[in-house]
Amino acid sequence: MAVEVSVQNFRQDLVDAGVVIETQDLWKTYEMGGEELHALRGVSIEIRKGEYVAIMGPSGSGKSTLMNLIGCLDTPSKGSYWLAGRLVSQLSDDDLAYIRNKDIGFVFQTFNLLPRATALHNVELPLIYNGTPTAERLERARKVLAEVDLSERMMHKPNELSGGQRQRVAIARALVNHPSILLADEPTGNLDSATGVEIMALFARLHQGGNTIILVTHEPDIALHAHRVIRLRDGKVEKDERTRSSG
């Protein structure tokens, strides 16, 4: 079932302009031992459909916090977040679960694969959660594994795969529901440099295929694969610029 929102919580102007993500004065504050820690301090960004964006910053800059908010894994302390024209703060828990399952694909540094399950079963999981029939589920999982060049490894378990192959399984799992947005948090962080280059080539291919990609990284050479880099420092946007890769 598609997410439904009332008219006052929907912005057609963003949809018409191709804006899939808009944050306005986004704050995230944590209570730590009686003190307030501001992880984000008024972040306002706009990301359009089909963009390839890297979010960079040193440790503690707020980049992972921003990624969690964009992915609807957390809620802001104040400010507004519009996702595909919908005001996220007004969506129900069921709506948010639907978005995380169908609209957004997540790729994590640690892969987050089930160790005793095959690559095929790991990729199937999001489809199991949303009740996709078995035959369709297997067909879609096989197809997306083929897209990441793992057809011959789909019956292997994670401990039988290299780090790069495990990350490809994680990417396939993120793609199996055909999400419009792909969020990747340090996707090359646990990989050697040569394997990291291979994974970034795969992201470039996915972007060319139409995916909106948002990549969190602290590595400048990885960020340069994106077409735009948003740099955070102390919870604020320090710089937002195009890269040479954008042509």
Protein backbone atom coordinates (compact mmCIF):
# COMPACT_ATOMS: atom_id res chain seq x y z
CA MET A 1 0.00 0.00 0.00
CA ALA A 2 1.36 3.42 -0.90
CA VAL A 3 1.88 6.01 1.79
CA GLU A 4 -0.97 8.49 2.00
CA VAL A 5 -0.67 12.00 3.43
CA SER A 6 -3.05 14.90 3.79
CA VAL A 7 -2.82 17.84 1.41
CA GLN A 8 -1.34 20.20 4.01
CA ASN A 9 1.52 17.75 4.60
CA PHE A 10 2.33 17.37 0.91
CA ARG A 11 4.29 19.78 -1.28
CA GLN A 12 3.58 19.44 -4.97
CA ASP A 13 6.13 22.16 -5.74
CA LEU A 14 8.96 19.88 -4.61
CA VAL A 15 7.66 16.98 -6.71
CA ASP A 16 7.30 19.25 -9.77
CA ALA A 17 10.89 20.46 -9.30
CA GLY A 18 12.22 16.91 -9.00
CA VAL A 19 13.31 17.42 -5.37
CA VAL A 20 13.25 14.10 -3.50
CA ILE A 21 14.86 15.32 -0.27
CA GLU A 22 14.55 18.71 1.38
CA THR A 23 15.57 19.49 4.92
CA GLN A 24 14.84 22.87 6.51
CA ASP A 25 16.76 23.97 9.64
CA LEU A 26 17.23 20.36 10.81
CA TRP A 27 18.52 19.94 14.38
CA LYS A 28 19.34 16.80 16.34
CA THR A 29 20.07 17.21 20.03
CA TYR A 30 20.98 14.49 22.54
CA GLU A 31 20.86 14.71 26.32
CA MET A 32 24.21 13.55 27.69
CA GLY A 33 24.72 13.59 31.46
CA GLY A 34 22.50 16.61 31.93
CA GLU A 35 24.09 18.48 29.03
CA GLU A 36 22.81 18.99 25.48
CA LEU A 37 24.90 17.68 22.60
CA HIS A 38 23.93 19.19 19.24
CA ALA A 39 24.75 16.61 16.55
CA LEU A 40 23.08 18.74 13.87
CA ARG A 41 22.68 22.51 14.05
CA GLY A 42 20.23 23.76 11.47
CA VAL A 43 21.03 21.74 8.34
CA SER A 44 19.16 22.78 5.19
CA ILE A 45 19.83 20.80 2.02
CA GLU A 46 18.03 19.89 -1.19
CA ILE A 47 18.67 16.77 -3.26
CA ARG A 48 17.02 16.16 -6.62
CA LYS A 49 16.02 12.92 -8.26
CA GLY A 50 18.96 11.23 -9.97
CA GLU A 51 21.68 13.12 -8.10
CA TYR A 52 24.82 11.41 -6.81
CA VAL A 53 25.77 13.15 -3.56
CA ALA A 54 28.53 12.48 -1.04
CA ILE A 55 28.17 13.70 2.55
CA MET A 56 31.62 14.27 4.05
CA GLY A 57 33.01 15.46 7.34
CA PRO A 58 35.33 14.51 10.18
CA SER A 59 34.25 12.27 13.03
CA GLY A 60 31.56 14.04 15.04
CA SER A 61 30.55 16.34 12.19
CA GLY A 62 27.01 14.96 12.08
CA LYS A 63 27.17 13.06 8.79
CA SER A 64 25.91 9.73 10.17
CA THR A 65 23.19 11.54 12.14
CA LEU A 66 22.04 13.26 8.94
CA MET A 67 22.07 9.92 7.10
CA ASN A 68 19.89 8.35 9.81
CA LEU A 69 17.39 11.21 9.54
CA ILE A 70 17.30 11.03 5.73
CA GLY A 71 16.75 7.28 5.98
CA CYS A 72 13.86 7.70 8.43
CA LEU A 73 15.80 5.71 11.03
CA ASP A 74 15.65 8.61 13.48
CA THR A 75 13.66 11.80 14.00
CA PRO A 76 14.95 15.39 14.23
CA SER A 77 14.71 17.45 17.41
CA LYS A 78 13.38 20.32 15.33
CA GLY A 79 13.15 21.42 11.71
CA SER A 80 11.36 19.86 8.73
CA TYR A 81 12.20 16.96 6.42
CA TRP A 82 10.29 16.49 3.18
CA LEU A 83 10.75 13.18 1.35
CA ALA A 84 9.25 13.00 -2.15
CA GLY A 85 6.95 15.88 -1.20
CA ARG A 86 5.80 14.27 2.06
CA LEU A 87 6.39 15.83 5.49
CA VAL A 88 8.10 12.96 7.29
CA SER A 89 7.19 14.10 10.81
CA GLN A 90 3.51 13.60 9.98
CA LEU A 91 3.87 10.02 8.75
CA SER A 92 2.81 7.06 10.88
CA ASP A 93 5.15 4.28 12.04
CA ASP A 94 3.62 2.00 9.38
CA ASP A 95 4.24 4.64 6.72
CA LEU A 96 7.87 4.98 7.80
CA ALA A 97 8.37 1.20 7.80
CA TYR A 98 6.96 1.10 4.26
CA ILE A 99 9.37 3.84 3.15
CA ARG A 100 12.37 2.04 4.69
CA ASN A 101 11.36 -1.20 2.99
CA LYS A 102 10.34 0.10 -0.44
CA ASP A 103 11.55 3.65 -1.14
CA ILE A 104 15.03 3.67 0.39
CA GLY A 105 17.78 1.07 0.02
CA PHE A 106 20.46 0.94 2.72
CA VAL A 107 24.09 -0.16 2.31
CA PHE A 108 26.18 -0.34 5.49
CA GLN A 109 29.93 -0.47 6.11
CA THR A 110 29.58 -3.73 8.07
CA PHE A 111 27.40 -5.42 5.39
CA ASN A 112 24.82 -6.62 8.00
CA LEU A 113 24.35 -10.01 6.33
CA LEU A 114 22.92 -13.10 8.05
CA PRO A 115 26.00 -15.34 8.46
CA ARG A 116 24.21 -18.68 8.03
CA ALA A 117 22.10 -17.61 5.04
CA THR A 118 23.11 -17.81 1.40
CA ALA A 119 23.62 -14.68 -0.69
CA LEU A 120 20.28 -15.42 -2.36
CA HIS A 121 18.43 -15.64 0.96
CA ASN A 122 20.09 -12.48 2.28
CA VAL A 123 18.88 -10.58 -0.79
CA GLU A 124 15.40 -12.07 -0.45
CA LEU A 125 14.89 -10.77 3.09
CA PRO A 126 13.28 -7.38 2.28
CA LEU A 127 10.84 -9.20 -0.01
CA ILE A 128 9.97 -11.70 2.70
CA TYR A 129 9.20 -8.82 5.07
CA ASN A 130 6.76 -7.22 2.63
CA GLY A 131 5.02 -10.47 1.69
CA THR A 132 6.22 -10.90 -1.91
CA PRO A 133 5.22 -14.36 -3.22
CA THR A 134 8.00 -16.97 -3.27
CA ALA A 135 8.37 -17.36 -7.04
CA GLU A 136 8.54 -13.61 -7.65
CA ARG A 137 10.87 -13.18 -4.69
CA LEU A 138 13.39 -15.70 -6.02
CA GLU A 139 13.24 -14.28 -9.53
CA ARG A 140 13.88 -10.73 -8.34
CA ALA A 141 16.67 -11.77 -5.96
CA ARG A 142 18.43 -13.76 -8.71
CA LYS A 143 18.07 -10.89 -11.16
CA VAL A 144 19.56 -8.28 -8.84
CA LEU A 145 22.45 -10.60 -7.89
CA ALA A 146 23.16 -10.94 -11.59
CA GLU A 147 23.19 -7.14 -11.87
CA VAL A 148 26.03 -7.00 -9.32
CA ASP A 149 27.89 -9.87 -11.05
CA LEU A 150 27.22 -12.53 -8.42
CA SER A 151 25.14 -15.08 -10.34
CA GLU A 152 27.72 -17.79 -9.70
CA ARG A 153 27.95 -17.03 -5.98
CA MET A 154 24.29 -16.80 -4.98
CA MET A 155 24.30 -20.07 -3.02
CA HIS A 156 27.42 -19.12 -1.06
CA LYS A 157 27.27 -17.95 2.55
CA PRO A 158 29.03 -14.73 3.65
CA ASN A 159 32.07 -16.56 5.08
CA GLU A 160 32.58 -18.10 1.63
CA LEU A 161 32.72 -14.70 -0.05
CA SER A 162 35.37 -11.98 -0.21
CA GLY A 163 34.75 -8.58 1.38
CA GLY A 164 33.92 -7.08 -1.98
CA GLN A 165 31.50 -9.89 -2.79
CA ARG A 166 29.78 -9.47 0.57
CA GLN A 167 29.35 -5.77 -0.11
CA ARG A 168 27.86 -6.63 -3.52
CA VAL A 169 25.35 -8.89 -1.75
CA ALA A 170 24.49 -6.00 0.58
CA ILE A 171 24.03 -3.69 -2.42
CA ALA A 172 21.84 -6.28 -4.16
CA ARG A 173 19.70 -6.54 -1.02
CA ALA A 174 19.35 -2.74 -0.99
CA LEU A 175 18.26 -2.75 -4.64
CA VAL A 176 15.83 -5.69 -4.64
CA ASN A 177 12.76 -3.52 -3.92
CA HIS A 178 13.71 -1.04 -6.69
CA PRO A 179 14.13 1.88 -4.27
CA SER A 180 14.27 5.40 -5.66
CA ILE A 181 17.01 6.37 -3.18
CA LEU A 182 20.14 4.42 -2.24
CA LEU A 183 21.83 5.41 1.04
CA ALA A 184 25.36 4.10 1.57
CA ASP A 185 27.17 4.63 4.88
CA GLU A 186 30.95 4.23 4.46
CA PRO A 187 30.40 1.42 1.90
CA THR A 188 34.13 0.96 1.26
CA GLY A 189 35.24 1.37 4.89
CA ASN A 190 35.96 -2.33 5.43
CA LEU A 191 37.44 -2.97 1.98
CA ASP A 192 40.95 -2.74 0.56
CA SER A 193 41.53 0.08 -1.91
CA ALA A 194 41.31 -2.06 -5.07
CA THR A 195 38.00 -3.62 -3.97
CA GLY A 196 36.77 -0.16 -2.98
CA VAL A 197 37.37 1.04 -6.54
CA GLU A 198 35.29 -1.88 -7.85
CA ILE A 199 32.41 -1.04 -5.50
CA MET A 200 32.52 2.63 -6.52
CA ALA A 201 32.40 1.57 -10.19
CA LEU A 202 29.25 -0.38 -9.33
CA PHE A 203 27.70 2.71 -7.69
CA ALA A 204 28.52 4.72 -10.83
CA ARG A 205 26.70 2.11 -12.91
CA LEU A 206 23.68 2.23 -10.60
CA HIS A 207 23.62 6.02 -10.81
CA GLN A 208 23.71 5.86 -14.61
CA GLY A 209 20.74 3.50 -14.36
CA GLY A 210 18.69 6.21 -12.65
CA ASN A 211 19.22 5.72 -8.90
CA THR A 212 19.53 8.69 -6.58
CA ILE A 213 22.63 7.90 -4.50
CA ILE A 214 23.65 9.48 -1.20
CA LEU A 215 27.00 8.34 0.10
CA VAL A 216 28.44 9.05 3.56
CA THR A 217 32.23 8.90 3.66
CA HIS A 218 35.25 10.48 5.34
CA GLU A 219 37.53 9.54 2.42
CA PRO A 220 38.12 12.38 -0.10
CA ASP A 221 38.97 10.02 -2.96
CA ILE A 222 35.69 8.14 -2.46
CA ALA A 223 33.69 11.38 -2.27
CA LEU A 224 35.10 12.49 -5.62
CA HIS A 225 33.18 9.66 -7.32
CA ALA A 226 30.01 11.60 -6.52
CA HIS A 227 28.89 14.59 -8.57
CA ARG A 228 28.29 16.80 -5.53
CA VAL A 229 29.86 16.93 -2.09
CA ILE A 230 28.14 18.32 1.01
CA ARG A 231 30.73 18.92 3.73
CA LEU A 232 29.59 19.01 7.35
CA ARG A 233 31.50 20.41 10.31
CA ASP A 234 30.21 20.74 13.87
CA GLY A 235 26.69 19.81 12.78
CA LYS A 236 26.45 22.49 10.07
CA VAL A 237 26.86 22.57 6.29
CA GLU A 238 30.34 24.00 5.75
CA LYS A 239 30.39 23.67 1.97
CA ASP A 240 28.17 22.33 -0.83
CA GLU A 241 29.88 22.05 -4.20
CA ARG A 242 29.96 20.17 -7.48
CA THR A 243 32.89 17.85 -8.21
CA ARG A 244 34.93 17.30 -11.34
CA SER A 245 33.01 14.01 -11.80
CA SER A 246 29.82 16.00 -12.52
CA GLY A 247 31.24 16.97 -15.89
